Protein backbone atom coordinates (compact mmCIF):
# COMPACT_ATOMS: atom_id res chain seq x y z
CA MET A 1 -5.11 15.48 -17.08
CA ASN A 2 -4.25 13.13 -14.49
CA LEU A 3 -1.39 10.40 -14.62
CA ARG A 4 -3.56 7.58 -15.91
CA GLU A 5 -4.91 9.74 -18.66
CA LEU A 6 -1.70 10.83 -19.79
CA ARG A 7 -0.27 7.18 -19.80
CA ARG A 8 -3.45 6.03 -21.63
CA SER A 9 -3.21 8.99 -24.09
CA GLN A 10 0.14 7.87 -25.18
CA GLY A 11 -1.01 4.32 -25.73
CA LEU A 12 0.72 2.57 -22.73
CA THR A 13 -0.52 -0.04 -20.19
CA GLN A 14 0.95 -0.04 -16.70
CA ILE A 15 3.05 -2.90 -17.81
CA ALA A 16 4.40 -1.30 -20.92
CA LEU A 17 5.13 2.18 -18.82
CA ARG A 18 6.79 0.16 -16.36
CA LYS A 19 9.22 -1.52 -18.79
CA ASN A 20 10.06 1.80 -20.13
CA LEU A 21 11.65 2.72 -16.67
CA ASN A 22 15.41 2.49 -15.99
CA SER A 23 14.83 0.39 -12.95
CA PRO A 24 11.29 -1.09 -13.27
CA PRO A 25 9.81 -0.78 -9.93
CA HIS A 26 7.63 -3.45 -8.03
CA ARG A 27 4.46 -4.09 -10.13
CA ASN A 28 2.09 -2.09 -7.91
CA THR A 29 4.33 1.08 -8.34
CA ILE A 30 2.32 2.62 -11.52
CA SER A 31 -0.99 1.83 -10.00
CA ARG A 32 0.05 3.51 -6.67
CA ALA A 33 1.42 6.55 -8.46
CA GLU A 34 -1.93 6.99 -10.33
CA ALA A 35 -3.84 6.56 -7.15
CA GLY A 36 -1.69 9.53 -5.71
CA LYS A 37 0.01 7.31 -3.13
CA ASN A 38 3.69 7.29 -2.38
CA ILE A 39 6.46 6.34 -4.63
CA SER A 40 10.07 6.72 -4.56
CA ILE A 41 11.55 10.23 -6.09
CA LEU A 42 13.75 7.99 -8.61
CA THR A 43 10.51 6.29 -9.62
CA ALA A 44 8.90 9.54 -9.95
CA PHE A 45 11.77 11.16 -11.94
CA GLU A 46 11.95 8.09 -14.14
CA LEU A 47 7.81 8.28 -14.77
CA ALA A 48 8.22 12.06 -15.73
CA ASP A 49 11.11 11.02 -18.26
CA ALA A 50 9.07 7.96 -19.61
CA LEU A 51 5.82 10.23 -20.20
CA ASP A 52 7.86 13.21 -21.51
CA VAL A 53 6.56 15.75 -19.00
CA GLU A 54 8.67 17.81 -16.44
CA ILE A 55 8.68 16.57 -12.87
CA LYS A 56 6.66 19.49 -11.72
CA GLU A 57 3.89 18.61 -14.06
CA LEU A 58 4.06 15.16 -12.85
CA PHE A 59 3.54 16.14 -9.12
CA GLU A 60 0.55 18.39 -10.13
CA MET A 61 -1.27 15.59 -11.71
CA VAL A 62 -1.36 13.66 -8.57
CA GLU A 63 -2.49 16.48 -6.19
């Protein structure tokens, strides 16, 4: 399963997921993460927390 599939399986849009983060990132950050592009480590940890996965699993999804 990749990051986009995980987000969708939880019924979240990119906007809804972005709003679930403690420090909402730039509006393109979620799509960048789903495309495997660079995001900040803080955002990566917040995404993992919001999606209820371990950080290791999150990084494995974008490899």
